[in-house]
Amino acid sequence: MVARIYKPAKTAMQSGQGKTHDWRLDFEPETPRVVEPLMGYTSSTDMRQQLRLTFETKEEAIAYAEKNGLAYQVSEAEEPKRRLAAYSDNFKFNRVGAWTH
């Protein structure tokens, strides 16, 4: 079973950086989910799929995986591509471009 170590990105409903500073360890599913024929629920016999561990640093997460003999894969965090600016910057006197409606 492969464990995935990554730094989560912020959600679409999130404007701040909360819950994006810690590193997370998730397990990849070993078996696919199965649709139960009577009720239509999806289920799985893999209980590690529900487990999510949080660490303060990447090194702590790697040390945990190595200590427990887990194969792991590290995904580096990508920085946001857009420039953060305040709304009031649109109306600055020394703005580079002209502001029009």
N, C-alpha and C. Protein backbone atom coordinates (compact mmCIF):
# COMPACT_ATOMS: atom_id res chain seq x y z
N MET A 1 0.84 -1.17 0.00
CA MET A 1 0.00 0.00 0.00
C MET A 1 0.89 1.23 0.00
N VAL A 2 0.58 2.16 -0.87
CA VAL A 2 1.36 3.38 -1.00
C VAL A 2 0.68 4.50 -0.22
N ALA A 3 1.47 5.23 0.54
CA ALA A 3 0.97 6.40 1.25
C ALA A 3 1.38 7.64 0.47
N ARG A 4 0.51 8.61 0.42
CA ARG A 4 0.78 9.85 -0.30
C ARG A 4 0.98 10.96 0.72
N ILE A 5 2.10 11.66 0.64
CA ILE A 5 2.40 12.77 1.54
C ILE A 5 2.33 14.05 0.72
N TYR A 6 1.51 14.98 1.16
CA TYR A 6 1.32 16.22 0.40
C TYR A 6 0.90 17.35 1.32
N LYS A 7 0.98 18.55 0.81
CA LYS A 7 0.52 19.74 1.51
C LYS A 7 -0.77 20.17 0.83
N PRO A 8 -1.92 20.13 1.52
CA PRO A 8 -3.19 20.39 0.84
C PRO A 8 -3.32 21.84 0.38
N ALA A 9 -3.99 22.02 -0.74
CA ALA A 9 -4.28 23.35 -1.26
C ALA A 9 -5.54 23.88 -0.59
N LYS A 10 -5.75 25.16 -0.68
CA LYS A 10 -6.97 25.70 -0.08
C LYS A 10 -8.17 25.36 -0.95
N THR A 11 -9.34 25.29 -0.33
CA THR A 11 -10.54 24.92 -1.05
C THR A 11 -11.05 26.10 -1.86
N ALA A 12 -12.01 25.85 -2.74
CA ALA A 12 -12.58 26.90 -3.57
C ALA A 12 -13.37 27.91 -2.75
N MET A 13 -13.86 27.50 -1.59
CA MET A 13 -14.65 28.39 -0.75
C MET A 13 -13.81 29.12 0.28
N GLN A 14 -12.52 29.06 0.16
CA GLN A 14 -11.62 29.58 1.18
C GLN A 14 -10.83 30.75 0.60
N SER A 15 -10.84 31.89 1.29
CA SER A 15 -10.07 33.03 0.82
C SER A 15 -8.74 33.15 1.56
N GLY A 16 -8.64 32.59 2.75
CA GLY A 16 -7.41 32.67 3.53
C GLY A 16 -6.55 31.44 3.34
N GLN A 17 -5.54 31.30 4.17
CA GLN A 17 -4.60 30.19 4.06
C GLN A 17 -4.78 29.17 5.19
N GLY A 18 -5.92 29.17 5.86
CA GLY A 18 -6.16 28.24 6.96
C GLY A 18 -6.15 26.79 6.49
N LYS A 19 -5.65 25.89 7.32
CA LYS A 19 -5.57 24.45 7.07
C LYS A 19 -4.72 24.10 5.85
N THR A 20 -3.80 24.97 5.47
CA THR A 20 -2.92 24.68 4.34
C THR A 20 -1.46 24.64 4.77
N HIS A 21 -1.17 24.78 6.04
CA HIS A 21 0.22 24.84 6.50
C HIS A 21 0.77 23.47 6.89
N ASP A 22 -0.10 22.53 7.26
CA ASP A 22 0.34 21.21 7.69
C ASP A 22 0.49 20.27 6.50
N TRP A 23 1.25 19.20 6.71
CA TRP A 23 1.42 18.16 5.71
C TRP A 23 0.50 17.01 6.04
N ARG A 24 -0.03 16.34 5.04
CA ARG A 24 -1.00 15.28 5.23
C ARG A 24 -0.50 13.97 4.64
N LEU A 25 -0.81 12.87 5.31
CA LEU A 25 -0.48 11.53 4.83
C LEU A 25 -1.79 10.78 4.61
N ASP A 26 -2.07 10.41 3.36
CA ASP A 26 -3.26 9.64 2.99
C ASP A 26 -2.80 8.33 2.37
N PHE A 27 -3.64 7.33 2.48
CA PHE A 27 -3.34 6.04 1.86
C PHE A 27 -4.11 5.89 0.56
N GLU A 28 -3.43 5.38 -0.45
CA GLU A 28 -4.09 5.09 -1.72
C GLU A 28 -4.96 3.84 -1.53
N PRO A 29 -6.10 3.78 -2.20
CA PRO A 29 -6.97 2.61 -2.03
C PRO A 29 -6.36 1.34 -2.61
N GLU A 30 -6.46 0.24 -1.85
CA GLU A 30 -5.95 -1.06 -2.31
C GLU A 30 -6.97 -1.77 -3.20
N THR A 31 -8.23 -1.65 -2.82
CA THR A 31 -9.29 -2.30 -3.59
C THR A 31 -10.28 -1.24 -4.06
N PRO A 32 -10.89 -1.44 -5.22
CA PRO A 32 -11.86 -0.44 -5.69
C PRO A 32 -13.15 -0.49 -4.87
N ARG A 33 -13.87 0.60 -4.90
CA ARG A 33 -15.16 0.63 -4.21
C ARG A 33 -16.18 -0.20 -4.98
N VAL A 34 -17.12 -0.77 -4.24
CA VAL A 34 -18.12 -1.64 -4.83
C VAL A 34 -19.50 -1.06 -4.54
N VAL A 35 -20.38 -1.08 -5.52
CA VAL A 35 -21.75 -0.63 -5.33
C VAL A 35 -22.58 -1.79 -4.80
N GLU A 36 -23.22 -1.55 -3.66
CA GLU A 36 -24.06 -2.59 -3.07
C GLU A 36 -25.34 -2.69 -3.90
N PRO A 37 -25.73 -3.90 -4.33
CA PRO A 37 -26.84 -4.02 -5.26
C PRO A 37 -28.21 -3.66 -4.68
N LEU A 38 -28.44 -3.89 -3.39
CA LEU A 38 -29.76 -3.66 -2.83
C LEU A 38 -30.06 -2.17 -2.64
N MET A 39 -29.17 -1.45 -1.95
CA MET A 39 -29.43 -0.05 -1.62
C MET A 39 -28.70 0.93 -2.53
N GLY A 40 -27.66 0.47 -3.24
CA GLY A 40 -26.94 1.36 -4.13
C GLY A 40 -25.82 2.12 -3.45
N TYR A 41 -25.51 1.80 -2.20
CA TYR A 41 -24.41 2.45 -1.49
C TYR A 41 -23.08 2.01 -2.07
N THR A 42 -22.10 2.88 -2.02
CA THR A 42 -20.74 2.47 -2.38
C THR A 42 -20.02 2.11 -1.10
N SER A 43 -19.28 1.00 -1.14
CA SER A 43 -18.58 0.56 0.06
C SER A 43 -17.22 0.02 -0.35
N SER A 44 -16.38 -0.14 0.64
CA SER A 44 -15.05 -0.67 0.43
C SER A 44 -14.64 -1.46 1.65
N THR A 45 -13.80 -2.46 1.45
CA THR A 45 -13.30 -3.25 2.57
C THR A 45 -11.97 -2.69 3.07
N ASP A 46 -11.47 -1.66 2.43
CA ASP A 46 -10.19 -1.06 2.77
C ASP A 46 -10.40 0.04 3.82
N MET A 47 -10.03 -0.23 5.06
CA MET A 47 -10.25 0.73 6.14
C MET A 47 -9.18 1.83 6.18
N ARG A 48 -7.99 1.57 5.61
CA ARG A 48 -6.96 2.59 5.62
C ARG A 48 -7.32 3.77 4.72
N GLN A 49 -8.27 3.55 3.84
CA GLN A 49 -8.71 4.60 2.94
C GLN A 49 -9.37 5.75 3.73
N GLN A 50 -9.89 5.46 4.89
CA GLN A 50 -10.55 6.47 5.71
C GLN A 50 -9.58 7.22 6.62
N LEU A 51 -8.35 6.75 6.70
CA LEU A 51 -7.37 7.32 7.61
C LEU A 51 -6.64 8.50 6.98
N ARG A 52 -6.56 9.61 7.71
CA ARG A 52 -5.86 10.80 7.25
C ARG A 52 -5.04 11.34 8.42
N LEU A 53 -3.72 11.33 8.27
CA LEU A 53 -2.83 11.79 9.34
C LEU A 53 -2.27 13.16 8.97
N THR A 54 -2.11 14.02 9.97
CA THR A 54 -1.61 15.38 9.75
C THR A 54 -0.32 15.56 10.52
N PHE A 55 0.68 16.19 9.87
CA PHE A 55 1.98 16.45 10.47
C PHE A 55 2.34 17.92 10.23
N GLU A 56 3.16 18.46 11.13
CA GLU A 56 3.56 19.86 10.98
C GLU A 56 4.61 20.06 9.89
N THR A 57 5.48 19.07 9.67
CA THR A 57 6.52 19.21 8.66
C THR A 57 6.53 17.97 7.75
N LYS A 58 7.14 18.15 6.59
CA LYS A 58 7.27 17.04 5.65
C LYS A 58 8.18 15.96 6.22
N GLU A 59 9.22 16.38 6.94
CA GLU A 59 10.17 15.42 7.51
C GLU A 59 9.50 14.52 8.54
N GLU A 60 8.56 15.06 9.33
CA GLU A 60 7.83 14.24 10.31
C GLU A 60 6.99 13.19 9.61
N ALA A 61 6.35 13.56 8.52
CA ALA A 61 5.51 12.62 7.78
C ALA A 61 6.36 11.51 7.16
N ILE A 62 7.51 11.87 6.61
CA ILE A 62 8.41 10.88 6.01
C ILE A 62 8.96 9.95 7.09
N ALA A 63 9.31 10.51 8.25
CA ALA A 63 9.83 9.69 9.34
C ALA A 63 8.77 8.70 9.83
N TYR A 64 7.52 9.12 9.89
CA TYR A 64 6.43 8.22 10.30
C TYR A 64 6.28 7.08 9.30
N ALA A 65 6.31 7.41 8.01
CA ALA A 65 6.15 6.38 6.98
C ALA A 65 7.31 5.39 7.02
N GLU A 66 8.53 5.88 7.19
CA GLU A 66 9.68 4.99 7.24
C GLU A 66 9.69 4.13 8.51
N LYS A 67 9.26 4.72 9.63
CA LYS A 67 9.22 3.99 10.90
C LYS A 67 8.23 2.82 10.84
N ASN A 68 7.12 3.03 10.13
CA ASN A 68 6.09 1.99 10.04
C ASN A 68 6.22 1.13 8.79
N GLY A 69 7.29 1.30 8.03
CA GLY A 69 7.53 0.47 6.86
C GLY A 69 6.56 0.70 5.72
N LEU A 70 6.12 1.92 5.54
CA LEU A 70 5.16 2.24 4.48
C LEU A 70 5.90 2.76 3.25
N ALA A 71 5.47 2.30 2.10
CA ALA A 71 5.98 2.91 0.86
C ALA A 71 5.26 4.25 0.71
N TYR A 72 5.99 5.30 0.38
CA TYR A 72 5.37 6.62 0.32
C TYR A 72 5.81 7.36 -0.93
N GLN A 73 5.01 8.34 -1.27
CA GLN A 73 5.27 9.20 -2.42
C GLN A 73 5.00 10.63 -1.97
N VAL A 74 5.97 11.51 -2.17
CA VAL A 74 5.87 12.90 -1.71
C VAL A 74 5.50 13.79 -2.89
N SER A 75 4.45 14.59 -2.71
CA SER A 75 4.04 15.58 -3.71
C SER A 75 4.35 16.95 -3.15
N GLU A 76 5.22 17.67 -3.82
CA GLU A 76 5.60 19.00 -3.36
C GLU A 76 4.45 19.99 -3.59
N ALA A 77 4.34 20.95 -2.71
CA ALA A 77 3.29 21.95 -2.81
C ALA A 77 3.63 22.98 -3.88
N GLU A 78 2.62 23.40 -4.63
CA GLU A 78 2.81 24.43 -5.64
C GLU A 78 2.35 25.76 -5.08
N GLU A 79 3.09 26.79 -5.37
CA GLU A 79 2.71 28.13 -4.92
C GLU A 79 1.58 28.67 -5.78
N PRO A 80 0.70 29.50 -5.22
CA PRO A 80 -0.38 30.07 -6.03
C PRO A 80 0.18 30.93 -7.17
N LYS A 81 -0.48 30.88 -8.31
CA LYS A 81 0.02 31.57 -9.49
C LYS A 81 -0.46 33.01 -9.60
N ARG A 82 -1.47 33.37 -8.86
CA ARG A 82 -1.96 34.75 -8.98
C ARG A 82 -1.40 35.64 -7.89
N ARG A 83 -1.29 36.89 -8.22
CA ARG A 83 -0.77 37.89 -7.30
C ARG A 83 -1.89 38.34 -6.38
N LEU A 84 -1.62 38.33 -5.09
CA LEU A 84 -2.62 38.77 -4.12
C LEU A 84 -2.56 40.28 -3.99
N ALA A 85 -3.69 40.93 -4.14
CA ALA A 85 -3.75 42.38 -4.04
C ALA A 85 -5.06 42.76 -3.35
N ALA A 86 -5.08 43.90 -2.76
CA ALA A 86 -6.27 44.40 -2.10
C ALA A 86 -7.18 45.08 -3.12
N TYR A 87 -8.46 45.14 -2.81
CA TYR A 87 -9.42 45.79 -3.71
C TYR A 87 -9.10 47.27 -3.87
N SER A 88 -8.59 47.87 -2.82
CA SER A 88 -8.28 49.30 -2.87
C SER A 88 -7.12 49.61 -3.82
N ASP A 89 -6.32 48.61 -4.18
CA ASP A 89 -5.23 48.83 -5.13
C ASP A 89 -5.76 49.22 -6.51
N ASN A 90 -7.01 48.92 -6.82
CA ASN A 90 -7.59 49.31 -8.10
C ASN A 90 -7.74 50.82 -8.22
N PHE A 91 -7.77 51.53 -7.11
CA PHE A 91 -8.03 52.96 -7.11
C PHE A 91 -6.83 53.78 -6.64
N LYS A 92 -5.65 53.23 -6.65
CA LYS A 92 -4.46 53.95 -6.22
C LYS A 92 -4.15 55.10 -7.17
N PHE A 93 -3.60 56.15 -6.61
CA PHE A 93 -3.25 57.32 -7.42
C PHE A 93 -2.07 57.01 -8.35
N ASN A 94 -1.10 56.23 -7.88
CA ASN A 94 0.08 55.93 -8.69
C ASN A 94 -0.04 54.58 -9.40
N ARG A 95 -1.22 54.24 -9.83
CA ARG A 95 -1.47 52.98 -10.54
C ARG A 95 -0.79 53.02 -11.90
N VAL A 96 -0.24 51.88 -12.32
CA VAL A 96 0.52 51.82 -13.58
C VAL A 96 -0.40 51.97 -14.78
N GLY A 97 -1.48 51.20 -14.82
CA GLY A 97 -2.41 51.28 -15.95
C GLY A 97 -3.59 52.17 -15.64
N ALA A 98 -4.24 52.67 -16.68
CA ALA A 98 -5.40 53.54 -16.49
C ALA A 98 -6.59 52.70 -16.06
N TRP A 99 -7.38 53.24 -15.15
CA TRP A 99 -8.55 52.54 -14.67
C TRP A 99 -9.78 53.17 -15.32
N THR A 100 -10.54 52.40 -16.05
CA THR A 100 -11.77 52.91 -16.69
C THR A 100 -12.87 51.89 -16.46
N HIS A 101 -14.07 52.33 -16.69
CA HIS A 101 -15.23 51.42 -16.54
C HIS A 101 -15.40 50.59 -17.76
